[in-house]
């Protein structure tokens, strides 16, 4: 576990160093990565400055922003154990069951939490009973749906999959769902869980011009 999180941090350090070496400040990287707020419609919480925690049950680690550790633990109703910095958390899993996870609390800068929480998602066997979520401050989960159904463009894979011979894929949101919205009251917090919202279809030709070879769940963060 320790080696895994260290490897992630080394990778992040390399990414930040690359930004510096190419003459870009980290604020430039941030502008490329963070979600823009739509001032005239629904505002999303700032994807870095409002992000105060990330949990991954597969790692058994809760990352919390400096100074927000007590607030996050209280918000999640995490229960301390006899071991220092080890807690128990009871939540609903992606499959809809209730599970209790033992985790270690780690402090990390918000920029690091953002990068780690946005790593590509690779679900492994048994992960349907796992949990991944983000916690935002200055946010709440609205009652109404604010994410419409959408279909992405066909994306060509960098190389043909040797097992399925898939050459391209397209993700489609099939379930209207709700995401956290910005609220200027910092005491308000909102949690987005990584859950299914649709289907990703793989095709054996570039730009989806062939036949379907497989499908899988399309996962996105949602608060409902």
C-alpha atoms as a PDB file:
ATOM      1  CA  UNK A   1       0.000   0.000   0.000  1.00  0.00           C
ATOM      2  CA  UNK A   2       2.744   2.446   0.942  1.00  0.00           C
ATOM      3  CA  UNK A   3       4.685   1.677  -2.211  1.00  0.00           C
ATOM      4  CA  UNK A   4       1.574   2.280  -4.336  1.00  0.00           C
ATOM      5  CA  UNK A   5       0.841   5.729  -2.958  1.00  0.00           C
ATOM      6  CA  UNK A   6       4.536   6.641  -3.170  1.00  0.00           C
ATOM      7  CA  UNK A   7       4.552   5.656  -6.834  1.00  0.00           C
ATOM      8  CA  UNK A   8       1.533   7.857  -7.456  1.00  0.00           C
ATOM      9  CA  UNK A   9       3.246  10.767  -5.735  1.00  0.00           C
ATOM     10  CA  UNK A  10       6.435  10.232  -7.785  1.00  0.00           C
ATOM     11  CA  UNK A  11       4.316  10.293 -10.937  1.00  0.00           C
ATOM     12  CA  UNK A  12       2.641  13.511  -9.855  1.00  0.00           C
ATOM     13  CA  UNK A  13       5.988  15.076  -9.012  1.00  0.00           C
ATOM     14  CA  UNK A  14       7.152  14.205 -12.514  1.00  0.00           C
ATOM     15  CA  UNK A  15       4.083  15.843 -14.014  1.00  0.00           C
ATOM     16  CA  UNK A  16       4.637  19.053 -12.073  1.00  0.00           C
ATOM     17  CA  UNK A  17       8.332  19.067 -12.969  1.00  0.00           C
ATOM     18  CA  UNK A  18       7.412  18.710 -16.627  1.00  0.00           C
ATOM     19  CA  UNK A  19       5.212  21.790 -16.408  1.00  0.00           C
ATOM     20  CA  UNK A  20       8.099  23.774 -14.931  1.00  0.00           C
ATOM     21  CA  UNK A  21      10.636  22.509 -17.478  1.00  0.00           C
ATOM     22  CA  UNK A  22       8.412  23.542 -20.367  1.00  0.00           C
ATOM     23  CA  UNK A  23       8.131  27.058 -18.947  1.00  0.00           C
ATOM     24  CA  UNK A  24       4.595  26.681 -17.664  1.00  0.00           C
ATOM     25  CA  UNK A  25       3.535  27.569 -14.149  1.00  0.00           C
ATOM     26  CA  UNK A  26       1.318  25.104 -12.305  1.00  0.00           C
ATOM     27  CA  UNK A  27      -1.527  27.599 -12.671  1.00  0.00           C
ATOM     28  CA  UNK A  28      -1.369  26.939 -16.409  1.00  0.00           C
ATOM     29  CA  UNK A  29      -1.726  23.202 -15.766  1.00  0.00           C
ATOM     30  CA  UNK A  30      -4.628  23.941 -13.467  1.00  0.00           C
ATOM     31  CA  UNK A  31      -6.443  25.961 -16.144  1.00  0.00           C
ATOM     32  CA  UNK A  32      -6.183  22.994 -18.488  1.00  0.00           C
ATOM     33  CA  UNK A  33      -7.402  20.465 -15.927  1.00  0.00           C
ATOM     34  CA  UNK A  34     -10.037  22.066 -13.756  1.00  0.00           C
ATOM     35  CA  UNK A  35     -13.723  22.211 -14.569  1.00  0.00           C
ATOM     36  CA  UNK A  36     -14.841  25.645 -15.773  1.00  0.00           C
ATOM     37  CA  UNK A  37     -17.715  27.220 -13.891  1.00  0.00           C
ATOM     38  CA  UNK A  38     -20.757  28.114 -15.919  1.00  0.00           C
ATOM     39  CA  UNK A  39     -21.714  31.427 -14.361  1.00  0.00           C
ATOM     40  CA  UNK A  40     -24.966  31.775 -16.314  1.00  0.00           C
ATOM     41  CA  UNK A  41     -26.307  28.284 -15.530  1.00  0.00           C
ATOM     42  CA  UNK A  42     -25.172  25.829 -12.847  1.00  0.00           C
ATOM     43  CA  UNK A  43     -21.850  26.487 -11.139  1.00  0.00           C
ATOM     44  CA  UNK A  44     -19.679  23.506 -10.357  1.00  0.00           C
ATOM     45  CA  UNK A  45     -17.426  23.654  -7.287  1.00  0.00           C
ATOM     46  CA  UNK A  46     -13.836  24.562  -8.121  1.00  0.00           C
ATOM     47  CA  UNK A  47     -12.254  21.231  -9.062  1.00  0.00           C
ATOM     48  CA  UNK A  48      -9.081  22.035  -7.088  1.00  0.00           C
ATOM     49  CA  UNK A  49      -9.696  24.779  -4.530  1.00  0.00           C
ATOM     50  CA  UNK A  50     -13.001  23.291  -3.329  1.00  0.00           C
ATOM     51  CA  UNK A  51     -11.799  19.660  -3.383  1.00  0.00           C
ATOM     52  CA  UNK A  52     -10.872  18.709   0.190  1.00  0.00           C
ATOM     53  CA  UNK A  53     -10.841  14.892   0.215  1.00  0.00           C
ATOM     54  CA  UNK A  54     -10.648  11.744  -1.908  1.00  0.00           C
ATOM     55  CA  UNK A  55     -11.287   8.151  -0.816  1.00  0.00           C
ATOM     56  CA  UNK A  56     -10.364   4.927  -2.584  1.00  0.00           C
ATOM     57  CA  UNK A  57     -11.383   1.731  -0.797  1.00  0.00           C
ATOM     58  CA  UNK A  58      -8.991  -0.338  -2.916  1.00  0.00           C
ATOM     59  CA  UNK A  59      -6.060   1.603  -1.437  1.00  0.00           C
ATOM     60  CA  UNK A  60      -7.581   1.899   2.043  1.00  0.00           C
ATOM     61  CA  UNK A  61      -6.585   5.569   2.106  1.00  0.00           C
ATOM     62  CA  UNK A  62      -8.456   8.837   2.636  1.00  0.00           C
ATOM     63  CA  UNK A  63      -6.570  11.864   1.313  1.00  0.00           C
ATOM     64  CA  UNK A  64      -7.553  15.121   3.011  1.00  0.00           C
ATOM     65  CA  UNK A  65      -6.419  18.686   2.337  1.00  0.00           C
ATOM     66  CA  UNK A  66      -4.266  20.329   5.050  1.00  0.00           C
ATOM     67  CA  UNK A  67      -6.417  21.825   7.801  1.00  0.00           C
ATOM     68  CA  UNK A  68      -9.564  19.985   6.710  1.00  0.00           C
ATOM     69  CA  UNK A  69      -8.834  16.598   8.281  1.00  0.00           C
ATOM     70  CA  UNK A  70     -11.149  17.006  11.331  1.00  0.00           C
ATOM     71  CA  UNK A  71     -13.963  18.455   9.197  1.00  0.00           C
ATOM     72  CA  UNK A  72     -13.778  15.606   6.690  1.00  0.00           C
ATOM     73  CA  UNK A  73     -13.727  12.890   9.356  1.00  0.00           C
ATOM     74  CA  UNK A  74     -16.709  14.490  11.091  1.00  0.00           C
ATOM     75  CA  UNK A  75     -18.603  14.948   7.818  1.00  0.00           C
ATOM     76  CA  UNK A  76     -18.079  11.286   6.886  1.00  0.00           C
ATOM     77  CA  UNK A  77     -18.882  10.064  10.422  1.00  0.00           C
ATOM     78  CA  UNK A  78     -15.635   8.101  10.382  1.00  0.00           C
ATOM     79  CA  UNK A  79     -14.985   6.102  13.554  1.00  0.00           C
ATOM     80  CA  UNK A  80     -11.481   6.036  15.099  1.00  0.00           C
ATOM     81  CA  UNK A  81      -9.774   2.758  15.947  1.00  0.00           C
ATOM     82  CA  UNK A  82      -7.121   1.897  18.504  1.00  0.00           C
ATOM     83  CA  UNK A  83      -4.446   2.513  15.843  1.00  0.00           C
ATOM     84  CA  UNK A  84      -3.377   6.101  15.202  1.00  0.00           C
ATOM     85  CA  UNK A  85      -4.683   7.582  11.936  1.00  0.00           C
ATOM     86  CA  UNK A  86      -6.759   4.449  11.252  1.00  0.00           C
ATOM     87  CA  UNK A  87     -10.533   4.790  10.952  1.00  0.00           C
ATOM     88  CA  UNK A  88     -13.665   2.875   9.966  1.00  0.00           C
ATOM     89  CA  UNK A  89     -16.053   4.202   7.353  1.00  0.00           C
ATOM     90  CA  UNK A  90     -19.485   2.767   6.513  1.00  0.00           C
ATOM     91  CA  UNK A  91     -20.880   3.724   3.088  1.00  0.00           C
ATOM     92  CA  UNK A  92     -22.951   2.355   0.216  1.00  0.00           C
ATOM     93  CA  UNK A  93     -20.926   0.627  -2.496  1.00  0.00           C
ATOM     94  CA  UNK A  94     -21.362   0.958  -6.265  1.00  0.00           C
ATOM     95  CA  UNK A  95     -23.415  -2.264  -6.242  1.00  0.00           C
ATOM     96  CA  UNK A  96     -25.848  -0.760  -3.721  1.00  0.00           C
ATOM     97  CA  UNK A  97     -24.738  -2.740  -0.678  1.00  0.00           C
ATOM     98  CA  UNK A  98     -23.514  -1.270   2.612  1.00  0.00           C
ATOM     99  CA  UNK A  99     -19.903  -1.952   3.536  1.00  0.00           C
ATOM    100  CA  UNK A 100     -17.437  -0.870   6.223  1.00  0.00           C
ATOM    101  CA  UNK A 101     -13.867  -0.052   5.213  1.00  0.00           C
ATOM    102  CA  UNK A 102     -10.750   0.358   7.326  1.00  0.00           C
ATOM    103  CA  UNK A 103      -8.638   3.237   6.074  1.00  0.00           C
ATOM    104  CA  UNK A 104      -5.600   5.371   6.852  1.00  0.00           C
ATOM    105  CA  UNK A 105      -5.857   9.160   6.896  1.00  0.00           C
ATOM    106  CA  UNK A 106      -3.224  10.967   4.825  1.00  0.00           C
ATOM    107  CA  UNK A 107      -2.765  14.699   4.296  1.00  0.00           C
ATOM    108  CA  UNK A 108      -2.046  15.924   0.763  1.00  0.00           C
ATOM    109  CA  UNK A 109      -2.161  19.275  -1.095  1.00  0.00           C
ATOM    110  CA  UNK A 110      -5.384  19.948  -2.991  1.00  0.00           C
ATOM    111  CA  UNK A 111      -3.518  19.913  -6.320  1.00  0.00           C
ATOM    112  CA  UNK A 112      -2.236  16.414  -5.546  1.00  0.00           C
ATOM    113  CA  UNK A 113      -5.679  15.193  -4.482  1.00  0.00           C
ATOM    114  CA  UNK A 114      -7.106  16.529  -7.751  1.00  0.00           C
ATOM    115  CA  UNK A 115      -4.538  14.735  -9.893  1.00  0.00           C
ATOM    116  CA  UNK A 116      -4.844  11.419  -8.030  1.00  0.00           C
ATOM    117  CA  UNK A 117      -8.654  11.484  -8.075  1.00  0.00           C
ATOM    118  CA  UNK A 118      -8.631  12.057 -11.848  1.00  0.00           C
ATOM    119  CA  UNK A 119      -6.348   9.175 -12.749  1.00  0.00           C
ATOM    120  CA  UNK A 120      -7.882   6.908 -15.451  1.00  0.00           C
ATOM    121  CA  UNK A 121     -10.395   4.479 -13.964  1.00  0.00           C
ATOM    122  CA  UNK A 122      -9.565   0.783 -14.303  1.00  0.00           C
ATOM    123  CA  UNK A 123     -12.100  -1.378 -12.520  1.00  0.00           C
ATOM    124  CA  UNK A 124     -10.809  -4.737 -11.343  1.00  0.00           C
ATOM    125  CA  UNK A 125     -12.685  -7.875 -10.331  1.00  0.00           C
ATOM    126  CA  UNK A 126     -14.614  -7.251  -7.121  1.00  0.00           C
ATOM    127  CA  UNK A 127     -14.510  -3.479  -7.481  1.00  0.00           C
ATOM    128  CA  UNK A 128     -18.299  -3.387  -7.802  1.00  0.00           C
ATOM    129  CA  UNK A 129     -18.180  -3.633  -4.004  1.00  0.00           C
ATOM    130  CA  UNK A 130     -15.602  -0.868  -3.735  1.00  0.00           C
ATOM    131  CA  UNK A 131     -15.981   2.866  -3.269  1.00  0.00           C
ATOM    132  CA  UNK A 132     -14.313   5.907  -4.756  1.00  0.00           C
ATOM    133  CA  UNK A 133     -15.523   9.387  -3.896  1.00  0.00           C
ATOM    134  CA  UNK A 134     -14.578  13.077  -3.735  1.00  0.00           C
ATOM    135  CA  UNK A 135     -15.605  15.572  -1.048  1.00  0.00           C
ATOM    136  CA  UNK A 136     -16.079  19.252  -1.929  1.00  0.00           C
ATOM    137  CA  UNK A 137     -16.502  22.252   0.342  1.00  0.00           C
ATOM    138  CA  UNK A 138     -18.672  25.210  -0.749  1.00  0.00           C
ATOM    139  CA  UNK A 139     -21.041  22.759  -2.423  1.00  0.00           C
ATOM    140  CA  UNK A 140     -24.282  20.873  -2.109  1.00  0.00           C
ATOM    141  CA  UNK A 141     -26.133  18.150  -4.013  1.00  0.00           C
ATOM    142  CA  UNK A 142     -29.259  19.696  -5.581  1.00  0.00           C
ATOM    143  CA  UNK A 143     -32.624  17.974  -5.675  1.00  0.00           C
ATOM    144  CA  UNK A 144     -33.005  18.273  -9.444  1.00  0.00           C
ATOM    145  CA  UNK A 145     -30.971  16.624 -12.176  1.00  0.00           C
ATOM    146  CA  UNK A 146     -28.318  18.903 -13.659  1.00  0.00           C
ATOM    147  CA  UNK A 147     -26.528  16.460 -15.974  1.00  0.00           C
ATOM    148  CA  UNK A 148     -28.252  15.734 -19.265  1.00  0.00           C
ATOM    149  CA  UNK A 149     -27.924  12.618 -21.388  1.00  0.00           C
ATOM    150  CA  UNK A 150     -25.018  12.935 -23.804  1.00  0.00           C
ATOM    151  CA  UNK A 151     -23.069  10.810 -26.246  1.00  0.00           C
ATOM    152  CA  UNK A 152     -19.362  11.359 -26.758  1.00  0.00           C
ATOM    153  CA  UNK A 153     -17.563  11.075 -30.127  1.00  0.00           C
ATOM    154  CA  UNK A 154     -15.853   7.920 -31.285  1.00  0.00           C
ATOM    155  CA  UNK A 155     -12.282   7.791 -29.944  1.00  0.00           C
ATOM    156  CA  UNK A 156      -9.588   5.729 -31.688  1.00  0.00           C
ATOM    157  CA  UNK A 157      -7.470   3.537 -29.426  1.00  0.00           C
ATOM    158  CA  UNK A 158      -3.668   4.022 -29.612  1.00  0.00           C
ATOM    159  CA  UNK A 159      -3.335   0.368 -30.636  1.00  0.00           C
ATOM    160  CA  UNK A 160      -5.631  -2.525 -31.476  1.00  0.00           C
ATOM    161  CA  UNK A 161      -6.664  -4.562 -28.428  1.00  0.00           C
ATOM    162  CA  UNK A 162      -5.046  -8.004 -28.952  1.00  0.00           C
ATOM    163  CA  UNK A 163      -7.884  -9.836 -27.174  1.00  0.00           C
ATOM    164  CA  UNK A 164     -11.033  -8.163 -28.493  1.00  0.00           C
ATOM    165  CA  UNK A 165      -9.514  -6.504 -31.590  1.00  0.00           C
ATOM    166  CA  UNK A 166     -11.224  -3.289 -30.516  1.00  0.00           C
ATOM    167  CA  UNK A 167      -9.978  -0.234 -32.414  1.00  0.00           C
ATOM    168  CA  UNK A 168     -12.242   2.542 -31.104  1.00  0.00           C
ATOM    169  CA  UNK A 169     -14.803   3.254 -28.418  1.00  0.00           C
ATOM    170  CA  UNK A 170     -17.618   5.648 -27.530  1.00  0.00           C
ATOM    171  CA  UNK A 171     -19.175   6.434 -24.148  1.00  0.00           C
ATOM    172  CA  UNK A 172     -22.829   7.302 -23.765  1.00  0.00           C
ATOM    173  CA  UNK A 173     -24.548   8.724 -20.679  1.00  0.00           C
ATOM    174  CA  UNK A 174     -27.814   6.826 -20.356  1.00  0.00           C
ATOM    175  CA  UNK A 175     -28.865   7.857 -16.845  1.00  0.00           C
ATOM    176  CA  UNK A 176     -29.622  11.442 -15.974  1.00  0.00           C
ATOM    177  CA  UNK A 177     -27.736  12.156 -12.783  1.00  0.00           C
ATOM    178  CA  UNK A 178     -26.846  14.954 -10.409  1.00  0.00           C
ATOM    179  CA  UNK A 179     -23.482  16.509  -9.650  1.00  0.00           C
ATOM    180  CA  UNK A 180     -22.408  18.825  -6.842  1.00  0.00           C
ATOM    181  CA  UNK A 181     -23.103  22.529  -7.381  1.00  0.00           C
ATOM    182  CA  UNK A 182     -21.236  25.488  -5.928  1.00  0.00           C
ATOM    183  CA  UNK A 183     -22.501  27.120  -2.746  1.00  0.00           C
ATOM    184  CA  UNK A 184     -20.597  30.037  -1.206  1.00  0.00           C
ATOM    185  CA  UNK A 185     -21.235  28.737   2.328  1.00  0.00           C
ATOM    186  CA  UNK A 186     -17.987  26.881   3.192  1.00  0.00           C
ATOM    187  CA  UNK A 187     -19.740  24.817   5.870  1.00  0.00           C
ATOM    188  CA  UNK A 188     -21.698  23.084   3.098  1.00  0.00           C
ATOM    189  CA  UNK A 189     -20.084  19.922   1.779  1.00  0.00           C
ATOM    190  CA  UNK A 190     -20.973  17.537  -1.029  1.00  0.00           C
ATOM    191  CA  UNK A 191     -19.800  14.034  -1.933  1.00  0.00           C
ATOM    192  CA  UNK A 192     -19.555  12.651  -5.467  1.00  0.00           C
ATOM    193  CA  UNK A 193     -19.262   8.861  -5.808  1.00  0.00           C
ATOM    194  CA  UNK A 194     -17.868   7.145  -8.886  1.00  0.00           C
ATOM    195  CA  UNK A 195     -20.880   5.273 -10.263  1.00  0.00           C
ATOM    196  CA  UNK A 196     -22.325   3.985 -13.494  1.00  0.00           C
ATOM    197  CA  UNK A 197     -24.042   6.566 -15.698  1.00  0.00           C
ATOM    198  CA  UNK A 198     -24.096   4.731 -19.013  1.00  0.00           C
ATOM    199  CA  UNK A 199     -22.288   2.382 -21.363  1.00  0.00           C
ATOM    200  CA  UNK A 200     -19.003   2.409 -23.259  1.00  0.00           C
ATOM    201  CA  UNK A 201     -19.142   0.539 -26.571  1.00  0.00           C
ATOM    202  CA  UNK A 202     -16.026  -0.785 -28.339  1.00  0.00           C
ATOM    203  CA  UNK A 203     -15.835  -1.197 -32.121  1.00  0.00           C
ATOM    204  CA  UNK A 204     -13.424  -3.219 -34.261  1.00  0.00           C
ATOM    205  CA  UNK A 205     -12.862  -0.369 -36.744  1.00  0.00           C
ATOM    206  CA  UNK A 206     -11.528   3.172 -36.385  1.00  0.00           C
ATOM    207  CA  UNK A 207     -14.157   5.881 -35.786  1.00  0.00           C
ATOM    208  CA  UNK A 208     -16.764   3.218 -34.997  1.00  0.00           C
ATOM    209  CA  UNK A 209     -17.191   2.142 -38.603  1.00  0.00           C
ATOM    210  CA  UNK A 210     -17.200  -1.592 -37.890  1.00  0.00           C
ATOM    211  CA  UNK A 211     -19.044  -3.946 -35.560  1.00  0.00           C
ATOM    212  CA  UNK A 212     -19.461  -3.858 -31.793  1.00  0.00           C
ATOM    213  CA  UNK A 213     -17.008  -6.138 -29.987  1.00  0.00           C
ATOM    214  CA  UNK A 214     -17.752  -5.434 -26.317  1.00  0.00           C
ATOM    215  CA  UNK A 215     -19.448  -3.064 -23.889  1.00  0.00           C
ATOM    216  CA  UNK A 216     -18.679  -1.987 -20.327  1.00  0.00           C
ATOM    217  CA  UNK A 217     -20.078   0.372 -17.696  1.00  0.00           C
ATOM    218  CA  UNK A 218     -19.348   4.066 -18.218  1.00  0.00           C
ATOM    219  CA  UNK A 219     -18.430   5.565 -14.832  1.00  0.00           C
ATOM    220  CA  UNK A 220     -18.574   9.211 -13.750  1.00  0.00           C
ATOM    221  CA  UNK A 221     -18.697  11.043 -10.439  1.00  0.00           C
ATOM    222  CA  UNK A 222     -22.231  11.836  -9.245  1.00  0.00           C
ATOM    223  CA  UNK A 223     -23.768  12.921  -5.954  1.00  0.00           C
ATOM    224  CA  UNK A 224     -27.181  11.282  -6.320  1.00  0.00           C
END
